[in-house]
Amino acid sequence: MLVRVGHTGRLDLRRRMRAYVRGLLGQVGRKNSSQLAEYAGHSTPTGLQHLLDRACWTPDELRDLWGYVAKRLGPPLAC
């Protein structure tokens, strides 16, 4: 599965976002930053935490990213 995230100009942030999304979609028992970082092969969760806490995203970038992920996951299941 290839995740293309081109909504940020920084290569390191694109790689972190790709790893984060893959972890969310992967077979990770608990979806916290430590488990997702381990799944991605990172030695610490610091990079993913920075991505979620301190990286700058514009509303348009977030909207486009959400649309990309939603399209790949499909519509939510009705309860």
PDB file of N, CA and C in Angstrom:
ATOM      1  N   MET A   1       0.845  -1.175   0.000  1.00  0.00           N
ATOM      2  CA  MET A   1       0.000   0.000   0.000  1.00  0.00           C
ATOM      3  C   MET A   1       0.887   1.233   0.000  1.00  0.00           C
ATOM      4  N   LEU A   2       0.662   2.122  -0.918  1.00  0.00           N
ATOM      5  CA  LEU A   2       1.426   3.352  -1.007  1.00  0.00           C
ATOM      6  C   LEU A   2       0.525   4.511  -0.619  1.00  0.00           C
ATOM      7  N   VAL A   3       0.981   5.290   0.345  1.00  0.00           N
ATOM      8  CA  VAL A   3       0.240   6.471   0.785  1.00  0.00           C
ATOM      9  C   VAL A   3       0.973   7.681   0.254  1.00  0.00           C
ATOM     10  N   ARG A   4       0.325   8.465  -0.563  1.00  0.00           N
ATOM     11  CA  ARG A   4       0.937   9.670  -1.113  1.00  0.00           C
ATOM     12  C   ARG A   4       0.386  10.879  -0.385  1.00  0.00           C
ATOM     13  N   VAL A   5       1.259  11.540   0.319  1.00  0.00           N
ATOM     14  CA  VAL A   5       0.864  12.731   1.057  1.00  0.00           C
ATOM     15  C   VAL A   5       1.748  13.866   0.568  1.00  0.00           C
ATOM     16  N   GLY A   6       1.256  14.661  -0.336  1.00  0.00           N
ATOM     17  CA  GLY A   6       2.037  15.758  -0.889  1.00  0.00           C
ATOM     18  C   GLY A   6       1.553  17.100  -0.426  1.00  0.00           C
ATOM     19  N   HIS A   7       0.885  17.143   0.701  1.00  0.00           N
ATOM     20  CA  HIS A   7       0.266  18.387   1.152  1.00  0.00           C
ATOM     21  C   HIS A   7       1.185  19.218   2.023  1.00  0.00           C
ATOM     22  N   THR A   8       2.426  18.792   2.175  1.00  0.00           N
ATOM     23  CA  THR A   8       3.399  19.583   2.901  1.00  0.00           C
ATOM     24  C   THR A   8       4.685  19.576   2.101  1.00  0.00           C
ATOM     25  N   GLY A   9       5.416  20.667   2.122  1.00  0.00           N
ATOM     26  CA  GLY A   9       6.624  20.778   1.340  1.00  0.00           C
ATOM     27  C   GLY A   9       7.821  20.061   1.950  1.00  0.00           C
ATOM     28  N   ARG A  10       7.772  19.733   3.224  1.00  0.00           N
ATOM     29  CA  ARG A  10       8.915  19.113   3.886  1.00  0.00           C
ATOM     30  C   ARG A  10       8.859  17.600   3.757  1.00  0.00           C
ATOM     31  N   LEU A  11       9.939  17.043   3.241  1.00  0.00           N
ATOM     32  CA  LEU A  11      10.020  15.606   3.034  1.00  0.00           C
ATOM     33  C   LEU A  11       9.898  14.829   4.338  1.00  0.00           C
ATOM     34  N   ASP A  12      10.529  15.317   5.412  1.00  0.00           N
ATOM     35  CA  ASP A  12      10.456  14.598   6.682  1.00  0.00           C
ATOM     36  C   ASP A  12       9.028  14.541   7.215  1.00  0.00           C
ATOM     37  N   LEU A  13       8.268  15.627   7.049  1.00  0.00           N
ATOM     38  CA  LEU A  13       6.874  15.613   7.507  1.00  0.00           C
ATOM     39  C   LEU A  13       6.020  14.686   6.646  1.00  0.00           C
ATOM     40  N   ARG A  14       6.273  14.646   5.343  1.00  0.00           N
ATOM     41  CA  ARG A  14       5.536  13.717   4.481  1.00  0.00           C
ATOM     42  C   ARG A  14       5.819  12.275   4.875  1.00  0.00           C
ATOM     43  N   ARG A  15       7.071  11.970   5.177  1.00  0.00           N
ATOM     44  CA  ARG A  15       7.420  10.604   5.598  1.00  0.00           C
ATOM     45  C   ARG A  15       6.770  10.243   6.925  1.00  0.00           C
ATOM     46  N   ARG A  16       6.759  11.187   7.844  1.00  0.00           N
ATOM     47  CA  ARG A  16       6.111  10.928   9.138  1.00  0.00           C
ATOM     48  C   ARG A  16       4.610  10.719   8.968  1.00  0.00           C
ATOM     49  N   MET A  17       3.992  11.549   8.128  1.00  0.00           N
ATOM     50  CA  MET A  17       2.555  11.401   7.910  1.00  0.00           C
ATOM     51  C   MET A  17       2.257  10.060   7.256  1.00  0.00           C
ATOM     52  N   ARG A  18       3.067   9.659   6.312  1.00  0.00           N
ATOM     53  CA  ARG A  18       2.889   8.370   5.659  1.00  0.00           C
ATOM     54  C   ARG A  18       2.996   7.238   6.691  1.00  0.00           C
ATOM     55  N   ALA A  19       4.006   7.308   7.557  1.00  0.00           N
ATOM     56  CA  ALA A  19       4.182   6.287   8.591  1.00  0.00           C
ATOM     57  C   ALA A  19       3.000   6.287   9.557  1.00  0.00           C
ATOM     58  N   TYR A  20       2.513   7.474   9.896  1.00  0.00           N
ATOM     59  CA  TYR A  20       1.384   7.590  10.817  1.00  0.00           C
ATOM     60  C   TYR A  20       0.124   6.951  10.224  1.00  0.00           C
ATOM     61  N   VAL A  21      -0.181   7.273   8.981  1.00  0.00           N
ATOM     62  CA  VAL A  21      -1.381   6.728   8.332  1.00  0.00           C
ATOM     63  C   VAL A  21      -1.249   5.216   8.160  1.00  0.00           C
ATOM     64  N   ARG A  22      -0.072   4.754   7.755  1.00  0.00           N
ATOM     65  CA  ARG A  22       0.135   3.304   7.628  1.00  0.00           C
ATOM     66  C   ARG A  22      -0.079   2.600   8.963  1.00  0.00           C
ATOM     67  N   GLY A  23       0.403   3.213  10.040  1.00  0.00           N
ATOM     68  CA  GLY A  23       0.201   2.629  11.357  1.00  0.00           C
ATOM     69  C   GLY A  23      -1.268   2.581  11.741  1.00  0.00           C
ATOM     70  N   LEU A  24      -1.984   3.658  11.448  1.00  0.00           N
ATOM     71  CA  LEU A  24      -3.420   3.683  11.760  1.00  0.00           C
ATOM     72  C   LEU A  24      -4.177   2.610  10.983  1.00  0.00           C
ATOM     73  N   LEU A  25      -3.751   2.368   9.751  1.00  0.00           N
ATOM     74  CA  LEU A  25      -4.425   1.383   8.916  1.00  0.00           C
ATOM     75  C   LEU A  25      -3.862  -0.033   9.120  1.00  0.00           C
ATOM     76  N   GLY A  26      -2.731  -0.135   9.786  1.00  0.00           N
ATOM     77  CA  GLY A  26      -2.059  -1.422   9.958  1.00  0.00           C
ATOM     78  C   GLY A  26      -2.540  -2.201  11.170  1.00  0.00           C
ATOM     79  N   GLN A  27      -1.840  -3.279  11.410  1.00  0.00           N
ATOM     80  CA  GLN A  27      -2.177  -4.195  12.500  1.00  0.00           C
ATOM     81  C   GLN A  27      -1.453  -3.797  13.787  1.00  0.00           C
ATOM     82  N   VAL A  28      -1.689  -2.592  14.249  1.00  0.00           N
ATOM     83  CA  VAL A  28      -1.093  -2.105  15.485  1.00  0.00           C
ATOM     84  C   VAL A  28      -2.130  -2.281  16.583  1.00  0.00           C
ATOM     85  N   GLY A  29      -1.727  -2.944  17.680  1.00  0.00           N
ATOM     86  CA  GLY A  29      -2.670  -3.230  18.764  1.00  0.00           C
ATOM     87  C   GLY A  29      -3.280  -1.977  19.368  1.00  0.00           C
ATOM     88  N   ARG A  30      -2.431  -1.062  19.791  1.00  0.00           N
ATOM     89  CA  ARG A  30      -2.900   0.198  20.371  1.00  0.00           C
ATOM     90  C   ARG A  30      -2.430   1.322  19.469  1.00  0.00           C
ATOM     91  N   LYS A  31      -3.296   2.233  19.180  1.00  0.00           N
ATOM     92  CA  LYS A  31      -2.990   3.315  18.227  1.00  0.00           C
ATOM     93  C   LYS A  31      -2.487   4.553  18.962  1.00  0.00           C
ATOM     94  N   ASN A  32      -1.405   4.410  19.744  1.00  0.00           N
ATOM     95  CA  ASN A  32      -0.803   5.580  20.372  1.00  0.00           C
ATOM     96  C   ASN A  32       0.525   5.870  19.682  1.00  0.00           C
ATOM     97  N   SER A  33       1.111   7.013  19.969  1.00  0.00           N
ATOM     98  CA  SER A  33       2.304   7.428  19.227  1.00  0.00           C
ATOM     99  C   SER A  33       3.468   6.464  19.429  1.00  0.00           C
ATOM    100  N   SER A  34       3.605   5.889  20.600  1.00  0.00           N
ATOM    101  CA  SER A  34       4.702   4.948  20.836  1.00  0.00           C
ATOM    102  C   SER A  34       4.541   3.688  19.999  1.00  0.00           C
ATOM    103  N   GLN A  35       3.346   3.136  19.975  1.00  0.00           N
ATOM    104  CA  GLN A  35       3.095   1.923  19.197  1.00  0.00           C
ATOM    105  C   GLN A  35       3.205   2.191  17.699  1.00  0.00           C
ATOM    106  N   LEU A  36       2.684   3.329  17.258  1.00  0.00           N
ATOM    107  CA  LEU A  36       2.761   3.670  15.835  1.00  0.00           C
ATOM    108  C   LEU A  36       4.202   3.923  15.405  1.00  0.00           C
ATOM    109  N   ALA A  37       4.998   4.568  16.265  1.00  0.00           N
ATOM    110  CA  ALA A  37       6.406   4.796  15.951  1.00  0.00           C
ATOM    111  C   ALA A  37       7.167   3.473  15.868  1.00  0.00           C
ATOM    112  N   GLU A  38       6.892   2.575  16.783  1.00  0.00           N
ATOM    113  CA  GLU A  38       7.538   1.264  16.750  1.00  0.00           C
ATOM    114  C   GLU A  38       7.162   0.516  15.474  1.00  0.00           C
ATOM    115  N   TYR A  39       5.904   0.553  15.105  1.00  0.00           N
ATOM    116  CA  TYR A  39       5.431  -0.099  13.879  1.00  0.00           C
ATOM    117  C   TYR A  39       6.142   0.470  12.649  1.00  0.00           C
ATOM    118  N   ALA A  40       6.406   1.783  12.680  1.00  0.00           N
ATOM    119  CA  ALA A  40       7.059   2.457  11.553  1.00  0.00           C
ATOM    120  C   ALA A  40       8.575   2.267  11.553  1.00  0.00           C
ATOM    121  N   GLY A  41       9.116   1.678  12.622  1.00  0.00           N
ATOM    122  CA  GLY A  41      10.551   1.466  12.699  1.00  0.00           C
ATOM    123  C   GLY A  41      11.319   2.642  13.282  1.00  0.00           C
ATOM    124  N   HIS A  42      10.629   3.561  13.908  1.00  0.00           N
ATOM    125  CA  HIS A  42      11.284   4.708  14.537  1.00  0.00           C
ATOM    126  C   HIS A  42      11.765   4.308  15.924  1.00  0.00           C
ATOM    127  N   SER A  43      12.889   4.880  16.356  1.00  0.00           N
ATOM    128  CA  SER A  43      13.428   4.541  17.672  1.00  0.00           C
ATOM    129  C   SER A  43      12.661   5.216  18.813  1.00  0.00           C
ATOM    130  N   THR A  44      12.050   6.361  18.528  1.00  0.00           N
ATOM    131  CA  THR A  44      11.254   7.070  19.533  1.00  0.00           C
ATOM    132  C   THR A  44       9.986   7.625  18.868  1.00  0.00           C
ATOM    133  N   PRO A  45       8.984   7.976  19.665  1.00  0.00           N
ATOM    134  CA  PRO A  45       7.758   8.552  19.092  1.00  0.00           C
ATOM    135  C   PRO A  45       7.841  10.053  18.850  1.00  0.00           C
ATOM    136  N   THR A  46       8.990  10.664  19.100  1.00  0.00           N
ATOM    137  CA  THR A  46       9.129  12.121  19.034  1.00  0.00           C
ATOM    138  C   THR A  46       8.708  12.705  17.691  1.00  0.00           C
ATOM    139  N   GLY A  47       9.107  12.083  16.593  1.00  0.00           N
ATOM    140  CA  GLY A  47       8.771  12.606  15.265  1.00  0.00           C
ATOM    141  C   GLY A  47       7.282  12.620  15.001  1.00  0.00           C
ATOM    142  N   LEU A  48       6.601  11.533  15.369  1.00  0.00           N
ATOM    143  CA  LEU A  48       5.148  11.484  15.169  1.00  0.00           C
ATOM    144  C   LEU A  48       4.443  12.453  16.109  1.00  0.00           C
ATOM    145  N   GLN A  49       4.958  12.598  17.321  1.00  0.00           N
ATOM    146  CA  GLN A  49       4.359  13.552  18.249  1.00  0.00           C
ATOM    147  C   GLN A  49       4.500  14.975  17.726  1.00  0.00           C
ATOM    148  N   HIS A  50       5.655  15.283  17.139  1.00  0.00           N
ATOM    149  CA  HIS A  50       5.841  16.614  16.550  1.00  0.00           C
ATOM    150  C   HIS A  50       4.848  16.843  15.420  1.00  0.00           C
ATOM    151  N   LEU A  51       4.680  15.829  14.585  1.00  0.00           N
ATOM    152  CA  LEU A  51       3.751  15.929  13.458  1.00  0.00           C
ATOM    153  C   LEU A  51       2.346  16.282  13.941  1.00  0.00           C
ATOM    154  N   LEU A  52       1.906  15.644  15.008  1.00  0.00           N
ATOM    155  CA  LEU A  52       0.540  15.844  15.494  1.00  0.00           C
ATOM    156  C   LEU A  52       0.385  17.069  16.379  1.00  0.00           C
ATOM    157  N   ASP A  53       1.458  17.454  17.056  1.00  0.00           N
ATOM    158  CA  ASP A  53       1.334  18.523  18.045  1.00  0.00           C
ATOM    159  C   ASP A  53       1.851  19.875  17.564  1.00  0.00           C
ATOM    160  N   ARG A  54       2.969  19.884  16.822  1.00  0.00           N
ATOM    161  CA  ARG A  54       3.618  21.156  16.531  1.00  0.00           C
ATOM    162  C   ARG A  54       3.765  21.493  15.056  1.00  0.00           C
ATOM    163  N   ALA A  55       3.550  20.553  14.167  1.00  0.00           N
ATOM    164  CA  ALA A  55       3.682  20.856  12.742  1.00  0.00           C
ATOM    165  C   ALA A  55       2.566  21.811  12.314  1.00  0.00           C
ATOM    166  N   CYS A  56       2.878  22.698  11.399  1.00  0.00           N
ATOM    167  CA  CYS A  56       1.900  23.688  10.922  1.00  0.00           C
ATOM    168  C   CYS A  56       1.153  23.121   9.713  1.00  0.00           C
ATOM    169  N   TRP A  57      -0.150  23.141   9.795  1.00  0.00           N
ATOM    170  CA  TRP A  57      -1.016  22.682   8.701  1.00  0.00           C
ATOM    171  C   TRP A  57      -2.047  23.760   8.438  1.00  0.00           C
ATOM    172  N   THR A  58      -2.309  24.018   7.184  1.00  0.00           N
ATOM    173  CA  THR A  58      -3.362  24.966   6.844  1.00  0.00           C
ATOM    174  C   THR A  58      -4.698  24.210   6.787  1.00  0.00           C
ATOM    175  N   PRO A  59      -5.808  24.903   6.929  1.00  0.00           N
ATOM    176  CA  PRO A  59      -7.110  24.224   6.818  1.00  0.00           C
ATOM    177  C   PRO A  59      -7.277  23.489   5.488  1.00  0.00           C
ATOM    178  N   ASP A  60      -6.769  24.065   4.403  1.00  0.00           N
ATOM    179  CA  ASP A  60      -6.876  23.398   3.100  1.00  0.00           C
ATOM    180  C   ASP A  60      -6.080  22.101   3.060  1.00  0.00           C
ATOM    181  N   GLU A  61      -4.884  22.109   3.655  1.00  0.00           N
ATOM    182  CA  GLU A  61      -4.065  20.896   3.699  1.00  0.00           C
ATOM    183  C   GLU A  61      -4.764  19.794   4.487  1.00  0.00           C
ATOM    184  N   LEU A  62      -5.343  20.164   5.619  1.00  0.00           N
ATOM    185  CA  LEU A  62      -6.054  19.174   6.437  1.00  0.00           C
ATOM    186  C   LEU A  62      -7.286  18.639   5.725  1.00  0.00           C
ATOM    187  N   ARG A  63      -8.009  19.512   5.059  1.00  0.00           N
ATOM    188  CA  ARG A  63      -9.183  19.074   4.314  1.00  0.00           C
ATOM    189  C   ARG A  63      -8.796  18.087   3.212  1.00  0.00           C
ATOM    190  N   ASP A  64      -7.742  18.430   2.465  1.00  0.00           N
ATOM    191  CA  ASP A  64      -7.290  17.555   1.390  1.00  0.00           C
ATOM    192  C   ASP A  64      -6.799  16.215   1.929  1.00  0.00           C
ATOM    193  N   LEU A  65      -6.073  16.249   3.028  1.00  0.00           N
ATOM    194  CA  LEU A  65      -5.578  15.013   3.633  1.00  0.00           C
ATOM    195  C   LEU A  65      -6.739  14.163   4.129  1.00  0.00           C
ATOM    196  N   TRP A  66      -7.703  14.791   4.785  1.00  0.00           N
ATOM    197  CA  TRP A  66      -8.875  14.056   5.274  1.00  0.00           C
ATOM    198  C   TRP A  66      -9.629  13.419   4.108  1.00  0.00           C
ATOM    199  N   GLY A  67      -9.784  14.157   3.013  1.00  0.00           N
ATOM    200  CA  GLY A  67     -10.457  13.612   1.838  1.00  0.00           C
ATOM    201  C   GLY A  67      -9.720  12.415   1.263  1.00  0.00           C
ATOM    202  N   TYR A  68      -8.396  12.494   1.235  1.00  0.00           N
ATOM    203  CA  TYR A  68      -7.588  11.384   0.729  1.00  0.00           C
ATOM    204  C   TYR A  68      -7.786  10.138   1.592  1.00  0.00           C
ATOM    205  N   VAL A  69      -7.669  10.303   2.901  1.00  0.00           N
ATOM    206  CA  VAL A  69      -7.805   9.165   3.816  1.00  0.00           C
ATOM    207  C   VAL A  69      -9.225   8.612   3.762  1.00  0.00           C
ATOM    208  N   ALA A  70     -10.229   9.484   3.760  1.00  0.00           N
ATOM    209  CA  ALA A  70     -11.618   9.025   3.719  1.00  0.00           C
ATOM    210  C   ALA A  70     -11.909   8.254   2.439  1.00  0.00           C
ATOM    211  N   LYS A  71     -11.341   8.694   1.323  1.00  0.00           N
ATOM    212  CA  LYS A  71     -11.555   8.001   0.055  1.00  0.00           C
ATOM    213  C   LYS A  71     -10.948   6.600   0.106  1.00  0.00           C
ATOM    214  N   ARG A  72      -9.792   6.459   0.744  1.00  0.00           N
ATOM    215  CA  ARG A  72      -9.122   5.161   0.828  1.00  0.00           C
ATOM    216  C   ARG A  72      -9.832   4.213   1.798  1.00  0.00           C
ATOM    217  N   LEU A  73     -10.421   4.772   2.858  1.00  0.00           N
ATOM    218  CA  LEU A  73     -11.096   3.933   3.850  1.00  0.00           C
ATOM    219  C   LEU A  73     -12.520   3.590   3.452  1.00  0.00           C
ATOM    220  N   GLY A  74     -13.128   4.430   2.647  1.00  0.00           N
ATOM    221  CA  GLY A  74     -14.511   4.203   2.252  1.00  0.00           C
ATOM    222  C   GLY A  74     -15.475   4.828   3.240  1.00  0.00           C
ATOM    223  N   PRO A  75     -16.758   4.741   2.944  1.00  0.00           N
ATOM    224  CA  PRO A  75     -17.760   5.358   3.830  1.00  0.00           C
ATOM    225  C   PRO A  75     -17.827   4.620   5.164  1.00  0.00           C
ATOM    226  N   PRO A  76     -18.175   5.322   6.234  1.00  0.00           N
ATOM    227  CA  PRO A  76     -18.294   4.666   7.544  1.00  0.00           C
ATOM    228  C   PRO A  76     -19.466   3.664   7.523  1.00  0.00           C
ATOM    229  N   LEU A  77     -19.298   2.619   8.290  1.00  0.00           N
ATOM    230  CA  LEU A  77     -20.351   1.604   8.393  1.00  0.00           C
ATOM    231  C   LEU A  77     -21.466   2.106   9.305  1.00  0.00           C
ATOM    232  N   ALA A  78     -22.701   1.823   8.930  1.00  0.00           N
ATOM    233  CA  ALA A  78     -23.834   2.206   9.767  1.00  0.00           C
ATOM    234  C   ALA A  78     -23.924   1.237  10.934  1.00  0.00           C
ATOM    235  N   CYS A  79     -24.326   1.740  12.078  1.00  0.00           N
ATOM    236  CA  CYS A  79     -24.455   0.881  13.275  1.00  0.00           C
ATOM    237  C   CYS A  79     -25.808   0.213  13.282  1.00  0.00           C
TER     238      CYS A  79
END
